Amino acid sequence: VACQSGVNLIGVIFAEKSKRKVTAEQAKAVVAAVRDFGERQERHTFAPADQGASPLQHLLSTSQQLVQGATTRRPLVVGVFQNQDPDFVAQMVQDCGLDLVQLHGKEGFAAANPAKNGGVPAIRVVDITVDPETGKAADNAVEQILDRLTNDPVAILLDTAIKGKDAGGGTSTTFDWNIAQAVQNAGLPVLVAGGLTSSNVADCVTNTRPFGVDVSSGVEQTPGRKNHDEVKAFVRTARQAAIEASQGF
């Protein structure tokens, strides 16, 4: 259903604490089905990064590679990991045939270097911590993101973290999208996650014009089981909003 709906990236979650955690065999089955749909036999390959580029130049270049790969060889399969041993990440990349990985813990930006992830690029998740009472993030959230930036990740994904709770996504809570817009305005393409559904994704896309959007719990009927109608509605709504905002995905 996800492939037929036109998604560009499909995630398989290996994070230990996730209710959506898959086994290696389940991940292999997803990769096989996705490759059959895209009529390809091998992992998508990315061109080597320019080591002399600034972090911003690097992300602009690699994000375009990601767009090209995710549209011409779509969808690509992303393995989602959180604070796990790099050897385990690399092993899952090789065993399951993952196209890239997403690091959702406190591994740091340097951990997103392909050399540490079985040779595939990594999306680095940056948590936007919000106060559970006010729903607001720190005033210097944008500066914190830009200051931490390195030329290791292929893309940046902004997600919600609740102050006082462990980070790691799946909060079903949005953050202030003005932060995403400000980061985009600084020239850094980002993906946006956190509390997105078919009901609010159009507002997110229209207001922030992100590089992409990410959803999981917002299209589920139970943890780990997607609602097919919600998946279709989410993709359709996001794409239509992107067209109207003249920011195609």
C-alpha atoms as a PDB file:
ATOM      1  CA  VAL A   1       0.000   0.000   0.000  1.00  0.00           C
ATOM      2  CA  ALA A   2       2.822   2.407   0.880  1.00  0.00           C
ATOM      3  CA  CYS A   3       4.602   1.712  -2.407  1.00  0.00           C
ATOM      4  CA  GLN A   4       1.430   2.089  -4.431  1.00  0.00           C
ATOM      5  CA  SER A   5       0.595   5.327  -2.619  1.00  0.00           C
ATOM      6  CA  GLY A   6       3.838   6.839  -3.851  1.00  0.00           C
ATOM      7  CA  VAL A   7       5.958   7.144  -0.725  1.00  0.00           C
ATOM      8  CA  ASN A   8       9.650   7.827  -1.285  1.00  0.00           C
ATOM      9  CA  LEU A   9      11.076   6.256   1.868  1.00  0.00           C
ATOM     10  CA  ILE A  10       9.890   3.286   3.931  1.00  0.00           C
ATOM     11  CA  GLY A  11      11.245   2.763   7.433  1.00  0.00           C
ATOM     12  CA  VAL A  12      11.918  -0.497   9.243  1.00  0.00           C
ATOM     13  CA  ILE A  13      12.535   0.010  12.936  1.00  0.00           C
ATOM     14  CA  PHE A  14      15.286  -1.790  14.812  1.00  0.00           C
ATOM     15  CA  ALA A  15      15.243   0.450  17.909  1.00  0.00           C
ATOM     16  CA  GLU A  16      15.060  -1.795  20.971  1.00  0.00           C
ATOM     17  CA  LYS A  17      12.444   0.222  22.863  1.00  0.00           C
ATOM     18  CA  SER A  18      10.070   0.661  19.942  1.00  0.00           C
ATOM     19  CA  LYS A  19       6.696  -1.075  19.810  1.00  0.00           C
ATOM     20  CA  ARG A  20       7.290  -1.268  16.067  1.00  0.00           C
ATOM     21  CA  LYS A  21      10.607  -3.133  16.250  1.00  0.00           C
ATOM     22  CA  VAL A  22      11.125  -5.683  13.465  1.00  0.00           C
ATOM     23  CA  THR A  23      13.337  -8.733  13.197  1.00  0.00           C
ATOM     24  CA  ALA A  24      16.050  -9.044  10.584  1.00  0.00           C
ATOM     25  CA  GLU A  25      13.878 -11.522   8.699  1.00  0.00           C
ATOM     26  CA  GLN A  26      10.931  -9.124   8.655  1.00  0.00           C
ATOM     27  CA  ALA A  27      13.195  -6.334   7.419  1.00  0.00           C
ATOM     28  CA  LYS A  28      14.544  -8.568   4.652  1.00  0.00           C
ATOM     29  CA  ALA A  29      10.975  -9.302   3.556  1.00  0.00           C
ATOM     30  CA  VAL A  30      10.181  -5.579   3.384  1.00  0.00           C
ATOM     31  CA  VAL A  31      13.331  -4.881   1.366  1.00  0.00           C
ATOM     32  CA  ALA A  32      12.522  -7.724  -1.039  1.00  0.00           C
ATOM     33  CA  ALA A  33       8.956  -6.473  -1.566  1.00  0.00           C
ATOM     34  CA  VAL A  34      10.128  -2.898  -2.112  1.00  0.00           C
ATOM     35  CA  ARG A  35      12.784  -3.955  -4.603  1.00  0.00           C
ATOM     36  CA  ASP A  36      10.257  -6.032  -6.519  1.00  0.00           C
ATOM     37  CA  PHE A  37       7.977  -3.005  -6.709  1.00  0.00           C
ATOM     38  CA  GLY A  38      10.789  -0.757  -7.928  1.00  0.00           C
ATOM     39  CA  GLU A  39      12.159  -3.398 -10.281  1.00  0.00           C
ATOM     40  CA  ARG A  40      15.640  -3.262  -8.827  1.00  0.00           C
ATOM     41  CA  GLN A  41      17.873  -5.986  -7.466  1.00  0.00           C
ATOM     42  CA  GLU A  42      20.440  -4.064  -5.448  1.00  0.00           C
ATOM     43  CA  ARG A  43      20.795  -1.379  -2.827  1.00  0.00           C
ATOM     44  CA  HIS A  44      20.719   2.194  -4.108  1.00  0.00           C
ATOM     45  CA  THR A  45      24.192   3.728  -4.154  1.00  0.00           C
ATOM     46  CA  PHE A  46      25.062   7.331  -3.349  1.00  0.00           C
ATOM     47  CA  ALA A  47      28.014   9.246  -4.768  1.00  0.00           C
ATOM     48  CA  PRO A  48      30.865   9.905  -2.292  1.00  0.00           C
ATOM     49  CA  ALA A  49      30.569  13.175  -0.413  1.00  0.00           C
ATOM     50  CA  ASP A  50      32.897  16.083  -1.082  1.00  0.00           C
ATOM     51  CA  GLN A  51      35.076  16.065   2.026  1.00  0.00           C
ATOM     52  CA  GLY A  52      36.064  19.678   1.434  1.00  0.00           C
ATOM     53  CA  ALA A  53      32.508  20.980   1.471  1.00  0.00           C
ATOM     54  CA  SER A  54      31.052  22.902   4.378  1.00  0.00           C
ATOM     55  CA  PRO A  55      28.312  21.135   6.372  1.00  0.00           C
ATOM     56  CA  LEU A  56      25.634  23.225   4.663  1.00  0.00           C
ATOM     57  CA  GLN A  57      27.048  22.629   1.171  1.00  0.00           C
ATOM     58  CA  HIS A  58      27.321  18.940   1.974  1.00  0.00           C
ATOM     59  CA  LEU A  59      23.681  18.669   3.041  1.00  0.00           C
ATOM     60  CA  LEU A  60      22.448  20.594   0.026  1.00  0.00           C
ATOM     61  CA  SER A  61      24.319  18.179  -2.244  1.00  0.00           C
ATOM     62  CA  THR A  62      23.473  14.944  -0.454  1.00  0.00           C
ATOM     63  CA  SER A  63      19.830  15.874   0.041  1.00  0.00           C
ATOM     64  CA  GLN A  64      19.517  16.267  -3.720  1.00  0.00           C
ATOM     65  CA  GLN A  65      21.040  12.810  -4.140  1.00  0.00           C
ATOM     66  CA  LEU A  66      18.474  11.503  -1.692  1.00  0.00           C
ATOM     67  CA  VAL A  67      15.651  13.123  -3.651  1.00  0.00           C
ATOM     68  CA  GLN A  68      16.934  11.653  -6.895  1.00  0.00           C
ATOM     69  CA  GLY A  69      17.307   8.187  -5.447  1.00  0.00           C
ATOM     70  CA  ALA A  70      13.985   8.280  -3.624  1.00  0.00           C
ATOM     71  CA  THR A  71      12.115   9.344  -6.755  1.00  0.00           C
ATOM     72  CA  THR A  72      13.841   7.383  -9.522  1.00  0.00           C
ATOM     73  CA  ARG A  73      14.461   4.197  -7.514  1.00  0.00           C
ATOM     74  CA  ARG A  74      11.627   4.648  -5.078  1.00  0.00           C
ATOM     75  CA  PRO A  75      10.947   3.811  -2.485  1.00  0.00           C
ATOM     76  CA  LEU A  76      14.193   3.451  -0.571  1.00  0.00           C
ATOM     77  CA  VAL A  77      14.259   1.429   2.655  1.00  0.00           C
ATOM     78  CA  VAL A  78      15.528   3.144   5.793  1.00  0.00           C
ATOM     79  CA  GLY A  79      16.635   1.253   8.900  1.00  0.00           C
ATOM     80  CA  VAL A  80      15.801   3.184  12.073  1.00  0.00           C
ATOM     81  CA  PHE A  81      18.219   2.739  14.980  1.00  0.00           C
ATOM     82  CA  GLN A  82      18.558   4.294  18.417  1.00  0.00           C
ATOM     83  CA  ASN A  83      21.739   4.239  20.518  1.00  0.00           C
ATOM     84  CA  GLN A  84      22.798   0.873  19.109  1.00  0.00           C
ATOM     85  CA  ASP A  85      26.250  -0.557  18.496  1.00  0.00           C
ATOM     86  CA  PRO A  86      27.667   0.584  15.134  1.00  0.00           C
ATOM     87  CA  ASP A  87      28.662  -3.014  14.388  1.00  0.00           C
ATOM     88  CA  PHE A  88      25.026  -4.071  14.791  1.00  0.00           C
ATOM     89  CA  VAL A  89      23.873  -1.239  12.531  1.00  0.00           C
ATOM     90  CA  ALA A  90      26.419  -2.203   9.874  1.00  0.00           C
ATOM     91  CA  GLN A  91      25.430  -5.861  10.150  1.00  0.00           C
ATOM     92  CA  MET A  92      21.739  -5.096   9.622  1.00  0.00           C
ATOM     93  CA  VAL A  93      22.603  -2.867   6.659  1.00  0.00           C
ATOM     94  CA  GLN A  94      24.484  -5.704   5.002  1.00  0.00           C
ATOM     95  CA  ASP A  95      22.178  -8.566   5.996  1.00  0.00           C
ATOM     96  CA  CYS A  96      18.918  -6.815   5.158  1.00  0.00           C
ATOM     97  CA  GLY A  97      20.010  -4.695   2.188  1.00  0.00           C
ATOM     98  CA  LEU A  98      19.024  -1.338   3.689  1.00  0.00           C
ATOM     99  CA  ASP A  99      19.485   1.687   1.417  1.00  0.00           C
ATOM    100  CA  LEU A 100      20.241   4.074   4.271  1.00  0.00           C
ATOM    101  CA  VAL A 101      19.783   4.418   8.015  1.00  0.00           C
ATOM    102  CA  GLN A 102      18.183   6.880  10.403  1.00  0.00           C
ATOM    103  CA  LEU A 103      19.840   7.537  13.756  1.00  0.00           C
ATOM    104  CA  HIS A 104      17.265   8.421  16.365  1.00  0.00           C
ATOM    105  CA  GLY A 105      19.251   8.440  19.598  1.00  0.00           C
ATOM    106  CA  LYS A 106      22.104  10.340  21.178  1.00  0.00           C
ATOM    107  CA  GLU A 107      24.777   8.948  18.870  1.00  0.00           C
ATOM    108  CA  GLY A 108      25.823  12.423  17.727  1.00  0.00           C
ATOM    109  CA  PHE A 109      26.311  13.799  14.239  1.00  0.00           C
ATOM    110  CA  ALA A 110      29.639  12.049  13.616  1.00  0.00           C
ATOM    111  CA  ALA A 111      27.874   8.689  13.939  1.00  0.00           C
ATOM    112  CA  ALA A 112      25.996   9.523  10.733  1.00  0.00           C
ATOM    113  CA  ASN A 113      29.137   9.092   8.650  1.00  0.00           C
ATOM    114  CA  PRO A 114      28.592   6.284   6.100  1.00  0.00           C
ATOM    115  CA  ALA A 115      31.862   4.639   7.170  1.00  0.00           C
ATOM    116  CA  LYS A 116      30.243   3.881  10.530  1.00  0.00           C
ATOM    117  CA  ASN A 117      26.991   2.506   9.108  1.00  0.00           C
ATOM    118  CA  GLY A 118      27.941  -0.251   6.740  1.00  0.00           C
ATOM    119  CA  GLY A 119      28.783   2.184   3.963  1.00  0.00           C
ATOM    120  CA  VAL A 120      25.318   3.717   3.576  1.00  0.00           C
ATOM    121  CA  PRO A 121      24.267   7.329   4.296  1.00  0.00           C
ATOM    122  CA  ALA A 122      22.412   8.256   7.465  1.00  0.00           C
ATOM    123  CA  ILE A 123      19.581  10.634   8.257  1.00  0.00           C
ATOM    124  CA  ARG A 124      20.376  12.351  11.563  1.00  0.00           C
ATOM    125  CA  VAL A 125      17.368  12.996  13.783  1.00  0.00           C
ATOM    126  CA  VAL A 126      17.449  16.207  15.805  1.00  0.00           C
ATOM    127  CA  ASP A 127      15.005  16.333  18.695  1.00  0.00           C
ATOM    128  CA  ILE A 128      13.091  19.550  19.265  1.00  0.00           C
ATOM    129  CA  THR A 129      12.396  19.449  22.992  1.00  0.00           C
ATOM    130  CA  VAL A 130       9.074  21.007  23.942  1.00  0.00           C
ATOM    131  CA  ASP A 131       7.721  21.877  27.362  1.00  0.00           C
ATOM    132  CA  PRO A 132       4.752  19.570  28.095  1.00  0.00           C
ATOM    133  CA  GLU A 133       2.825  22.431  29.691  1.00  0.00           C
ATOM    134  CA  THR A 134       3.415  25.234  27.197  1.00  0.00           C
ATOM    135  CA  GLY A 135       4.215  23.218  24.069  1.00  0.00           C
ATOM    136  CA  LYS A 136       7.083  25.623  23.374  1.00  0.00           C
ATOM    137  CA  ALA A 137      10.686  24.858  22.466  1.00  0.00           C
ATOM    138  CA  ALA A 138      13.818  26.717  23.524  1.00  0.00           C
ATOM    139  CA  ASP A 139      14.228  30.186  22.028  1.00  0.00           C
ATOM    140  CA  ASN A 140      17.634  29.242  20.612  1.00  0.00           C
ATOM    141  CA  ALA A 141      16.531  25.925  19.090  1.00  0.00           C
ATOM    142  CA  VAL A 142      17.494  26.970  15.564  1.00  0.00           C
ATOM    143  CA  GLU A 143      20.954  28.164  16.613  1.00  0.00           C
ATOM    144  CA  GLN A 144      21.529  24.887  18.464  1.00  0.00           C
ATOM    145  CA  ILE A 145      20.799  22.905  15.305  1.00  0.00           C
ATOM    146  CA  LEU A 146      23.067  24.980  13.090  1.00  0.00           C
ATOM    147  CA  ASP A 147      25.898  24.926  15.640  1.00  0.00           C
ATOM    148  CA  ARG A 148      25.851  21.108  15.835  1.00  0.00           C
ATOM    149  CA  LEU A 149      25.840  20.569  12.093  1.00  0.00           C
ATOM    150  CA  THR A 150      28.597  18.452  10.511  1.00  0.00           C
ATOM    151  CA  ASN A 151      29.107  17.067   7.019  1.00  0.00           C
ATOM    152  CA  ASP A 152      28.358  13.483   8.108  1.00  0.00           C
ATOM    153  CA  PRO A 153      24.571  13.014   7.609  1.00  0.00           C
ATOM    154  CA  VAL A 154      22.788  12.842   4.268  1.00  0.00           C
ATOM    155  CA  ALA A 155      19.786  14.720   5.686  1.00  0.00           C
ATOM    156  CA  ILE A 156      18.370  16.161   8.921  1.00  0.00           C
ATOM    157  CA  LEU A 157      15.024  15.158  10.409  1.00  0.00           C
ATOM    158  CA  LEU A 158      13.389  17.307  13.085  1.00  0.00           C
ATOM    159  CA  ASP A 159      11.211  15.418  15.561  1.00  0.00           C
ATOM    160  CA  THR A 160       9.433  16.175  18.815  1.00  0.00           C
ATOM    161  CA  ALA A 161      10.871  15.288  22.206  1.00  0.00           C
ATOM    162  CA  ILE A 162       8.973  15.931  25.436  1.00  0.00           C
ATOM    163  CA  LYS A 163      10.952  17.684  28.161  1.00  0.00           C
ATOM    164  CA  GLY A 164      11.664  15.288  31.029  1.00  0.00           C
ATOM    165  CA  LYS A 165      11.094  12.168  28.938  1.00  0.00           C
ATOM    166  CA  ASP A 166      13.405   9.992  26.882  1.00  0.00           C
ATOM    167  CA  ALA A 167      13.816  11.135  23.295  1.00  0.00           C
ATOM    168  CA  GLY A 168      13.237   8.778  20.424  1.00  0.00           C
ATOM    169  CA  GLY A 169      10.155   9.768  18.463  1.00  0.00           C
ATOM    170  CA  GLY A 170       6.659   8.348  18.583  1.00  0.00           C
ATOM    171  CA  THR A 171       5.367  11.152  20.814  1.00  0.00           C
ATOM    172  CA  SER A 172       2.313  11.880  18.628  1.00  0.00           C
ATOM    173  CA  THR A 173       3.061  15.518  19.448  1.00  0.00           C
ATOM    174  CA  THR A 174       3.943  18.327  17.064  1.00  0.00           C
ATOM    175  CA  PHE A 175       6.601  20.954  17.701  1.00  0.00           C
ATOM    176  CA  ASP A 176       6.606  24.611  16.670  1.00  0.00           C
ATOM    177  CA  TRP A 177       6.891  24.425  12.878  1.00  0.00           C
ATOM    178  CA  ASN A 178       8.301  27.950  12.847  1.00  0.00           C
ATOM    179  CA  ILE A 179      11.552  26.274  13.930  1.00  0.00           C
ATOM    180  CA  ALA A 180      11.543  24.074  10.841  1.00  0.00           C
ATOM    181  CA  GLN A 181      10.735  27.078   8.692  1.00  0.00           C
ATOM    182  CA  ALA A 182      13.599  29.071  10.216  1.00  0.00           C
ATOM    183  CA  VAL A 183      16.042  26.216   9.619  1.00  0.00           C
ATOM    184  CA  GLN A 184      14.852  25.948   6.029  1.00  0.00           C
ATOM    185  CA  ASN A 185      15.237  29.711   5.613  1.00  0.00           C
ATOM    186  CA  ALA A 186      18.836  29.351   6.805  1.00  0.00           C
ATOM    187  CA  GLY A 187      19.415  27.140   3.780  1.00  0.00           C
ATOM    188  CA  LEU A 188      19.302  23.764   5.523  1.00  0.00           C
ATOM    189  CA  PRO A 189      16.813  21.276   4.014  1.00  0.00           C
ATOM    190  CA  VAL A 190      15.002  19.282   6.694  1.00  0.00           C
ATOM    191  CA  LEU A 191      12.446  16.543   7.035  1.00  0.00           C
ATOM    192  CA  VAL A 192       9.717  17.106   9.619  1.00  0.00           C
ATOM    193  CA  ALA A 193       8.214  14.495  11.938  1.00  0.00           C
ATOM    194  CA  GLY A 194       6.292  14.554  15.193  1.00  0.00           C
ATOM    195  CA  GLY A 195       2.534  14.246  15.528  1.00  0.00           C
ATOM    196  CA  LEU A 196       1.772  14.437  11.816  1.00  0.00           C
ATOM    197  CA  THR A 197      -1.512  13.047  10.478  1.00  0.00           C
ATOM    198  CA  SER A 198      -3.556  13.400   7.325  1.00  0.00           C
ATOM    199  CA  SER A 199      -5.418  16.195   9.131  1.00  0.00           C
ATOM    200  CA  ASN A 200      -2.433  18.451   9.826  1.00  0.00           C
ATOM    201  CA  VAL A 201       0.228  17.515   7.269  1.00  0.00           C
ATOM    202  CA  ALA A 202      -1.081  20.057   4.758  1.00  0.00           C
ATOM    203  CA  ASP A 203      -0.601  22.856   7.295  1.00  0.00           C
ATOM    204  CA  CYS A 204       2.910  21.603   8.022  1.00  0.00           C
ATOM    205  CA  VAL A 205       3.882  21.492   4.354  1.00  0.00           C
ATOM    206  CA  THR A 206       2.274  24.833   3.551  1.00  0.00           C
ATOM    207  CA  ASN A 207       3.830  26.646   6.508  1.00  0.00           C
ATOM    208  CA  THR A 208       7.331  25.156   6.485  1.00  0.00           C
ATOM    209  CA  ARG A 209       7.848  23.835   2.929  1.00  0.00           C
ATOM    210  CA  PRO A 210      10.069  21.060   4.246  1.00  0.00           C
ATOM    211  CA  PHE A 211      12.360  18.786   2.298  1.00  0.00           C
ATOM    212  CA  GLY A 212      10.000  15.972   3.310  1.00  0.00           C
ATOM    213  CA  VAL A 213       7.670  14.719   6.034  1.00  0.00           C
ATOM    214  CA  ASP A 214       7.800  11.585   8.169  1.00  0.00           C
ATOM    215  CA  VAL A 215       4.897   9.719   9.744  1.00  0.00           C
ATOM    216  CA  SER A 216       4.359   6.570  11.773  1.00  0.00           C
ATOM    217  CA  SER A 217       1.849   6.657  14.629  1.00  0.00           C
ATOM    218  CA  GLY A 218      -0.265   9.180  12.735  1.00  0.00           C
ATOM    219  CA  VAL A 219      -1.328   6.541  10.208  1.00  0.00           C
ATOM    220  CA  GLU A 220      -1.649   3.551  12.549  1.00  0.00           C
ATOM    221  CA  GLN A 221      -4.666   1.731  13.899  1.00  0.00           C
ATOM    222  CA  THR A 222      -2.467   0.020  16.518  1.00  0.00           C
ATOM    223  CA  PRO A 223       1.313   0.289  17.095  1.00  0.00           C
ATOM    224  CA  GLY A 224       3.045  -1.429  14.203  1.00  0.00           C
ATOM    225  CA  ARG A 225      -0.111  -1.909  12.144  1.00  0.00           C
ATOM    226  CA  LYS A 226      -0.821   0.790   9.585  1.00  0.00           C
ATOM    227  CA  ASN A 227      -4.289   1.948   8.596  1.00  0.00           C
ATOM    228  CA  HIS A 228      -4.203   1.665   4.802  1.00  0.00           C
ATOM    229  CA  ASP A 229      -6.772   4.397   4.251  1.00  0.00           C
ATOM    230  CA  GLU A 230      -4.821   6.773   6.491  1.00  0.00           C
ATOM    231  CA  VAL A 231      -1.577   6.007   4.643  1.00  0.00           C
ATOM    232  CA  LYS A 232      -3.218   6.834   1.326  1.00  0.00           C
ATOM    233  CA  ALA A 233      -4.835   9.983   2.711  1.00  0.00           C
ATOM    234  CA  PHE A 234      -1.586  11.182   4.284  1.00  0.00           C
ATOM    235  CA  VAL A 235       0.460  10.775   1.105  1.00  0.00           C
ATOM    236  CA  ARG A 236      -2.249  12.285  -1.081  1.00  0.00           C
ATOM    237  CA  THR A 237      -2.699  15.285   1.211  1.00  0.00           C
ATOM    238  CA  ALA A 238       1.039  15.900   1.634  1.00  0.00           C
ATOM    239  CA  ARG A 239       1.680  15.774  -2.104  1.00  0.00           C
ATOM    240  CA  GLN A 240      -1.221  18.071  -2.917  1.00  0.00           C
ATOM    241  CA  ALA A 241      -0.045  20.579  -0.323  1.00  0.00           C
ATOM    242  CA  ALA A 242       3.480  20.420  -1.746  1.00  0.00           C
ATOM    243  CA  ILE A 243       2.178  21.128  -5.234  1.00  0.00           C
ATOM    244  CA  GLU A 244       0.134  24.064  -3.996  1.00  0.00           C
ATOM    245  CA  ALA A 245       3.153  25.401  -2.115  1.00  0.00           C
ATOM    246  CA  SER A 246       5.267  25.008  -5.272  1.00  0.00           C
ATOM    247  CA  GLN A 247       7.644  22.781  -3.310  1.00  0.00           C
ATOM    248  CA  GLY A 248       7.422  19.376  -4.936  1.00  0.00           C
ATOM    249  CA  PHE A 249       8.542  16.323  -3.041  1.00  0.00           C
END
